[in-house]
N, C-alpha and C. Protein backbone atom coordinates (compact mmCIF):
# COMPACT_ATOMS: atom_id res chain seq x y z
N UNK A 1 -17.08 32.69 -42.44
CA UNK A 1 -16.69 33.85 -43.21
C UNK A 1 -15.72 33.43 -44.31
N UNK A 2 -15.96 33.86 -45.52
CA UNK A 2 -15.09 33.54 -46.64
C UNK A 2 -13.87 34.44 -46.63
N UNK A 3 -12.74 33.82 -46.95
CA UNK A 3 -11.50 34.57 -47.04
C UNK A 3 -11.32 35.04 -48.47
N UNK A 4 -11.19 36.33 -48.67
CA UNK A 4 -10.98 36.86 -50.00
C UNK A 4 -9.48 36.83 -50.29
N UNK A 5 -9.07 36.14 -51.40
CA UNK A 5 -7.64 36.07 -51.70
C UNK A 5 -7.08 37.45 -52.04
N UNK A 6 -5.91 37.74 -51.49
CA UNK A 6 -5.33 39.05 -51.72
C UNK A 6 -3.94 38.96 -52.33
N UNK A 7 -3.18 37.93 -52.01
CA UNK A 7 -1.83 37.85 -52.55
C UNK A 7 -1.85 37.26 -53.96
N UNK A 8 -0.80 37.52 -54.70
CA UNK A 8 -0.72 37.00 -56.06
C UNK A 8 -0.67 35.48 -56.08
N UNK A 9 -0.01 34.88 -55.08
CA UNK A 9 0.06 33.41 -55.07
C UNK A 9 -1.31 32.81 -54.77
N UNK A 10 -2.10 33.43 -53.89
CA UNK A 10 -3.45 32.94 -53.62
C UNK A 10 -4.33 33.06 -54.87
N UNK A 11 -4.21 34.18 -55.56
CA UNK A 11 -4.99 34.37 -56.78
C UNK A 11 -4.59 33.37 -57.86
N UNK A 12 -3.29 33.09 -57.98
CA UNK A 12 -2.81 32.11 -58.95
C UNK A 12 -3.34 30.72 -58.61
N UNK A 13 -3.32 30.36 -57.34
CA UNK A 13 -3.83 29.05 -56.94
C UNK A 13 -5.32 28.92 -57.24
N UNK A 14 -6.05 30.00 -57.08
CA UNK A 14 -7.48 29.98 -57.39
C UNK A 14 -7.69 29.80 -58.89
N UNK A 15 -6.92 30.52 -59.72
CA UNK A 15 -7.01 30.36 -61.18
C UNK A 15 -6.64 28.94 -61.59
N UNK A 16 -5.59 28.41 -60.98
CA UNK A 16 -5.14 27.06 -61.31
C UNK A 16 -6.21 26.03 -60.95
N UNK A 17 -6.87 26.22 -59.83
CA UNK A 17 -7.95 25.30 -59.44
C UNK A 17 -9.08 25.33 -60.46
N UNK A 18 -9.40 26.50 -60.98
CA UNK A 18 -10.44 26.62 -62.01
C UNK A 18 -10.05 25.86 -63.27
N UNK A 19 -8.78 26.01 -63.68
CA UNK A 19 -8.29 25.33 -64.89
C UNK A 19 -8.28 23.82 -64.66
N UNK A 20 -7.83 23.38 -63.48
CA UNK A 20 -7.71 21.95 -63.18
C UNK A 20 -9.06 21.26 -63.07
N UNK A 21 -10.12 22.04 -62.88
CA UNK A 21 -11.45 21.44 -62.82
C UNK A 21 -11.86 20.87 -64.16
N UNK A 22 -11.28 21.37 -65.24
CA UNK A 22 -11.65 20.90 -66.58
C UNK A 22 -10.55 20.10 -67.26
N UNK A 23 -9.29 20.29 -66.89
CA UNK A 23 -8.18 19.63 -67.58
C UNK A 23 -7.75 18.39 -66.80
N UNK A 24 -7.73 17.25 -67.49
CA UNK A 24 -7.26 16.00 -66.90
C UNK A 24 -6.27 15.35 -67.85
N UNK A 25 -5.16 14.85 -67.33
CA UNK A 25 -4.19 14.15 -68.14
C UNK A 25 -4.42 12.65 -68.06
N UNK A 26 -4.22 11.96 -69.17
CA UNK A 26 -4.37 10.51 -69.20
C UNK A 26 -3.04 9.89 -69.59
N UNK A 27 -2.99 8.57 -69.62
CA UNK A 27 -1.76 7.89 -70.00
C UNK A 27 -1.39 8.14 -71.44
N UNK A 28 -2.39 8.22 -72.32
CA UNK A 28 -2.12 8.45 -73.73
C UNK A 28 -1.93 9.93 -74.04
N UNK A 29 -2.56 10.80 -73.23
CA UNK A 29 -2.43 12.25 -73.44
C UNK A 29 -2.24 12.92 -72.08
N UNK A 30 -0.99 12.92 -71.58
CA UNK A 30 -0.74 13.47 -70.24
C UNK A 30 -0.81 14.99 -70.20
N UNK A 31 -0.86 15.51 -68.99
CA UNK A 31 -0.95 16.95 -68.76
C UNK A 31 0.46 17.51 -68.57
N UNK A 32 0.80 18.55 -69.33
CA UNK A 32 2.07 19.25 -69.17
C UNK A 32 1.84 20.40 -68.19
N UNK A 33 2.27 20.19 -66.94
CA UNK A 33 2.07 21.17 -65.88
C UNK A 33 3.31 22.04 -65.75
N UNK A 34 3.12 23.36 -65.75
CA UNK A 34 4.21 24.32 -65.67
C UNK A 34 4.20 24.97 -64.29
N UNK A 35 5.38 25.11 -63.70
CA UNK A 35 5.51 25.85 -62.44
C UNK A 35 6.65 26.85 -62.57
N UNK A 36 6.38 28.06 -62.10
CA UNK A 36 7.37 29.15 -62.14
C UNK A 36 7.66 29.57 -60.72
N UNK A 37 8.95 29.71 -60.40
CA UNK A 37 9.32 30.32 -59.12
C UNK A 37 10.06 31.61 -59.46
N UNK A 38 10.59 32.26 -58.44
CA UNK A 38 11.31 33.50 -58.69
C UNK A 38 12.60 33.27 -59.48
N UNK A 39 13.19 32.08 -59.34
CA UNK A 39 14.47 31.82 -59.99
C UNK A 39 14.41 30.80 -61.12
N UNK A 40 13.46 29.89 -61.06
CA UNK A 40 13.46 28.77 -62.00
C UNK A 40 12.07 28.54 -62.58
N UNK A 41 12.04 27.74 -63.63
CA UNK A 41 10.79 27.26 -64.22
C UNK A 41 10.93 25.75 -64.35
N UNK A 42 9.84 25.03 -64.09
CA UNK A 42 9.90 23.58 -64.23
C UNK A 42 8.62 23.09 -64.90
N UNK A 43 8.69 21.87 -65.43
CA UNK A 43 7.54 21.29 -66.12
C UNK A 43 7.52 19.79 -65.88
N UNK A 44 6.32 19.24 -65.82
CA UNK A 44 6.13 17.80 -65.64
C UNK A 44 5.05 17.31 -66.58
N UNK A 45 5.18 16.08 -67.05
CA UNK A 45 4.10 15.40 -67.75
C UNK A 45 3.45 14.46 -66.75
N UNK A 46 2.16 14.66 -66.50
CA UNK A 46 1.46 13.95 -65.43
C UNK A 46 0.30 13.15 -66.00
N UNK A 47 0.21 11.88 -65.58
CA UNK A 47 -0.94 11.03 -65.86
C UNK A 47 -1.85 11.11 -64.64
N UNK A 48 -2.94 11.89 -64.73
CA UNK A 48 -3.82 12.11 -63.59
C UNK A 48 -4.64 10.88 -63.23
N UNK A 49 -4.93 10.01 -64.20
CA UNK A 49 -5.73 8.83 -63.88
C UNK A 49 -4.95 7.86 -63.00
N UNK A 50 -3.65 7.72 -63.26
CA UNK A 50 -2.81 6.85 -62.43
C UNK A 50 -2.14 7.61 -61.29
N UNK A 51 -2.10 8.94 -61.40
CA UNK A 51 -1.45 9.74 -60.36
C UNK A 51 0.07 9.69 -60.43
N UNK A 52 0.62 9.54 -61.64
CA UNK A 52 2.07 9.42 -61.81
C UNK A 52 2.63 10.58 -62.61
N UNK A 53 3.86 10.97 -62.27
CA UNK A 53 4.63 11.88 -63.10
C UNK A 53 5.42 11.03 -64.07
N UNK A 54 5.22 11.26 -65.35
CA UNK A 54 5.88 10.45 -66.38
C UNK A 54 7.27 10.99 -66.66
N UNK A 55 7.36 12.31 -66.89
CA UNK A 55 8.62 12.97 -67.23
C UNK A 55 8.64 14.31 -66.51
N UNK A 56 9.82 14.73 -66.06
CA UNK A 56 9.94 16.05 -65.42
C UNK A 56 11.25 16.70 -65.86
N UNK A 57 11.25 18.03 -65.87
CA UNK A 57 12.46 18.79 -66.18
C UNK A 57 12.43 20.07 -65.36
N UNK A 58 13.60 20.50 -64.92
CA UNK A 58 13.69 21.67 -64.05
C UNK A 58 14.75 22.63 -64.59
N UNK A 59 14.54 23.92 -64.38
CA UNK A 59 15.44 24.95 -64.85
C UNK A 59 16.81 24.93 -64.19
N UNK A 60 16.93 24.27 -63.02
CA UNK A 60 18.24 24.16 -62.36
C UNK A 60 19.25 23.45 -63.24
N UNK A 61 18.75 22.58 -64.12
CA UNK A 61 19.64 21.78 -64.96
C UNK A 61 20.29 22.60 -66.06
N UNK A 62 19.82 23.84 -66.28
CA UNK A 62 20.29 24.64 -67.39
C UNK A 62 20.79 26.00 -66.91
N UNK A 63 21.79 26.52 -67.57
CA UNK A 63 22.34 27.84 -67.23
C UNK A 63 21.65 28.90 -68.07
N UNK A 64 21.73 30.13 -67.61
CA UNK A 64 21.23 31.24 -68.39
C UNK A 64 20.06 31.95 -67.74
N UNK A 65 19.55 32.94 -68.46
CA UNK A 65 18.41 33.71 -67.98
C UNK A 65 17.17 32.83 -67.93
N UNK A 66 16.12 33.34 -67.31
CA UNK A 66 14.92 32.53 -67.12
C UNK A 66 14.25 32.15 -68.44
N UNK A 67 14.27 33.04 -69.42
CA UNK A 67 13.66 32.69 -70.70
C UNK A 67 14.48 31.61 -71.41
N UNK A 68 15.80 31.65 -71.24
CA UNK A 68 16.67 30.60 -71.81
C UNK A 68 16.40 29.28 -71.10
N UNK A 69 16.25 29.33 -69.77
CA UNK A 69 15.92 28.13 -69.01
C UNK A 69 14.59 27.55 -69.47
N UNK A 70 13.59 28.42 -69.66
CA UNK A 70 12.26 27.97 -70.06
C UNK A 70 12.32 27.26 -71.41
N UNK A 71 13.08 27.82 -72.35
CA UNK A 71 13.22 27.18 -73.66
C UNK A 71 13.91 25.82 -73.53
N UNK A 72 14.94 25.76 -72.71
CA UNK A 72 15.67 24.50 -72.50
C UNK A 72 14.77 23.46 -71.84
N UNK A 73 13.98 23.87 -70.86
CA UNK A 73 13.06 22.95 -70.18
C UNK A 73 12.02 22.42 -71.17
N UNK A 74 11.46 23.29 -72.01
CA UNK A 74 10.48 22.87 -73.01
C UNK A 74 11.07 21.88 -74.00
N UNK A 75 12.28 22.15 -74.45
CA UNK A 75 12.96 21.25 -75.38
C UNK A 75 13.25 19.91 -74.72
N UNK A 76 13.73 19.94 -73.46
CA UNK A 76 14.08 18.71 -72.74
C UNK A 76 12.84 17.86 -72.47
N UNK A 77 11.75 18.50 -72.11
CA UNK A 77 10.53 17.75 -71.80
C UNK A 77 9.97 17.11 -73.06
N UNK A 78 10.07 17.82 -74.20
CA UNK A 78 9.60 17.26 -75.47
C UNK A 78 10.47 16.07 -75.88
N UNK A 79 11.77 16.18 -75.71
CA UNK A 79 12.68 15.10 -76.07
C UNK A 79 12.42 13.86 -75.22
N UNK A 80 12.25 14.07 -73.90
CA UNK A 80 11.99 12.95 -72.99
C UNK A 80 10.63 12.31 -73.26
N UNK A 81 9.64 13.13 -73.62
CA UNK A 81 8.31 12.61 -73.92
C UNK A 81 8.33 11.77 -75.19
N UNK A 82 9.04 12.24 -76.20
CA UNK A 82 9.13 11.48 -77.45
C UNK A 82 9.85 10.16 -77.22
N UNK A 83 10.83 10.16 -76.30
CA UNK A 83 11.53 8.91 -75.98
C UNK A 83 10.59 7.91 -75.31
N UNK A 84 9.57 8.41 -74.61
CA UNK A 84 8.57 7.53 -73.98
C UNK A 84 7.40 7.23 -74.91
N UNK A 85 7.43 7.79 -76.13
CA UNK A 85 6.39 7.53 -77.11
C UNK A 85 5.17 8.43 -76.99
N UNK A 86 5.33 9.59 -76.37
CA UNK A 86 4.23 10.53 -76.18
C UNK A 86 4.39 11.69 -77.15
N UNK A 87 3.33 11.97 -77.92
CA UNK A 87 3.38 13.11 -78.84
C UNK A 87 2.26 14.10 -78.57
N UNK A 88 1.11 13.63 -78.05
CA UNK A 88 -0.03 14.51 -77.79
C UNK A 88 -0.16 14.74 -76.28
N UNK A 89 -0.32 16.01 -75.89
CA UNK A 89 -0.43 16.35 -74.47
C UNK A 89 -1.56 17.37 -74.28
N UNK A 90 -1.87 17.64 -73.02
CA UNK A 90 -2.78 18.71 -72.63
C UNK A 90 -1.94 19.72 -71.87
N UNK A 91 -2.03 20.99 -72.24
CA UNK A 91 -1.18 22.02 -71.63
C UNK A 91 -1.88 22.63 -70.42
N UNK A 92 -1.18 22.66 -69.29
CA UNK A 92 -1.68 23.27 -68.05
C UNK A 92 -0.72 24.38 -67.66
N UNK A 93 -1.15 25.61 -67.85
CA UNK A 93 -0.26 26.76 -67.59
C UNK A 93 -0.12 27.07 -66.12
N UNK A 94 -0.81 26.35 -65.26
CA UNK A 94 -0.63 26.48 -63.82
C UNK A 94 -1.17 27.76 -63.22
N UNK A 95 -2.13 28.40 -63.88
CA UNK A 95 -2.68 29.64 -63.35
C UNK A 95 -1.87 30.87 -63.72
N UNK A 96 -0.77 30.66 -64.42
CA UNK A 96 0.06 31.79 -64.87
C UNK A 96 -0.49 32.33 -66.18
N UNK A 97 -0.18 33.58 -66.47
CA UNK A 97 -0.56 34.18 -67.73
C UNK A 97 0.23 33.51 -68.85
N UNK A 98 -0.41 33.28 -70.00
CA UNK A 98 0.27 32.66 -71.13
C UNK A 98 1.11 33.72 -71.84
N UNK A 99 2.24 34.03 -71.24
CA UNK A 99 3.17 35.02 -71.78
C UNK A 99 4.53 34.75 -71.16
N UNK A 100 5.56 35.36 -71.68
CA UNK A 100 6.89 35.25 -71.10
C UNK A 100 7.40 33.82 -71.06
N UNK A 101 7.82 33.38 -69.88
CA UNK A 101 8.43 32.06 -69.72
C UNK A 101 7.48 30.93 -70.09
N UNK A 102 6.22 31.07 -69.73
CA UNK A 102 5.24 30.02 -70.01
C UNK A 102 5.07 29.85 -71.52
N UNK A 103 5.00 30.94 -72.24
CA UNK A 103 4.85 30.89 -73.70
C UNK A 103 6.11 30.33 -74.35
N UNK A 104 7.28 30.75 -73.88
CA UNK A 104 8.55 30.26 -74.43
C UNK A 104 8.66 28.75 -74.22
N UNK A 105 8.29 28.27 -73.03
CA UNK A 105 8.34 26.84 -72.73
C UNK A 105 7.37 26.08 -73.64
N UNK A 106 6.15 26.60 -73.81
CA UNK A 106 5.16 25.94 -74.66
C UNK A 106 5.62 25.89 -76.12
N UNK A 107 6.17 27.00 -76.61
CA UNK A 107 6.65 27.03 -78.00
C UNK A 107 7.80 26.06 -78.21
N UNK A 108 8.70 25.98 -77.23
CA UNK A 108 9.84 25.03 -77.34
C UNK A 108 9.34 23.59 -77.33
N UNK A 109 8.31 23.31 -76.52
CA UNK A 109 7.75 21.95 -76.49
C UNK A 109 7.09 21.61 -77.83
N UNK A 110 6.41 22.60 -78.43
CA UNK A 110 5.80 22.38 -79.75
C UNK A 110 6.88 22.13 -80.80
N UNK A 111 7.94 22.92 -80.76
CA UNK A 111 9.04 22.73 -81.71
C UNK A 111 9.69 21.38 -81.53
N UNK A 112 9.68 20.86 -80.30
CA UNK A 112 10.26 19.54 -80.02
C UNK A 112 9.40 18.39 -80.47
N UNK A 113 8.18 18.67 -80.95
CA UNK A 113 7.34 17.63 -81.50
C UNK A 113 6.09 17.31 -80.72
N UNK A 114 5.81 18.01 -79.64
CA UNK A 114 4.58 17.76 -78.89
C UNK A 114 3.43 18.56 -79.51
N UNK A 115 2.25 17.96 -79.56
CA UNK A 115 1.09 18.66 -80.10
C UNK A 115 0.09 18.93 -79.00
N UNK A 116 -0.36 20.19 -78.94
CA UNK A 116 -1.41 20.61 -78.00
C UNK A 116 -1.99 21.92 -78.46
C-alpha cells in the first residue's frame, strides 16, 4: 500500500526529490542547497560527483530576523565561494517555494558574484 504524504515536510521532501532527480552539482559548478528550519536558514555548496561540501554557511552565525539572516548567509556563501574560485553554481531551492527567505538568499548570492 502506498503512503500518501500529508504533512508539509513530507510534501517538501517529495518536491525536493523531484528537483534532485535533474540537478547535479559538479566540482566546477557546484549545487547551492538551501535548507530552512523554523528558526534559521542555511546553505551549502555541494560537489555531488565527489560527495563533498565545499562551503557552508548557517543563520546561527548572524543576528537579526530570518530575512536578515538569509541575506547574510547568501552574502557569506558567495564570498566564501569566490575565495575558492567558484563563480558559477546550480541553485537547489530544497523543495521550498522560491519566495521569502529562499529568494532573499538567492538574490544576495547573485549580488555577491555567483551566477545561476
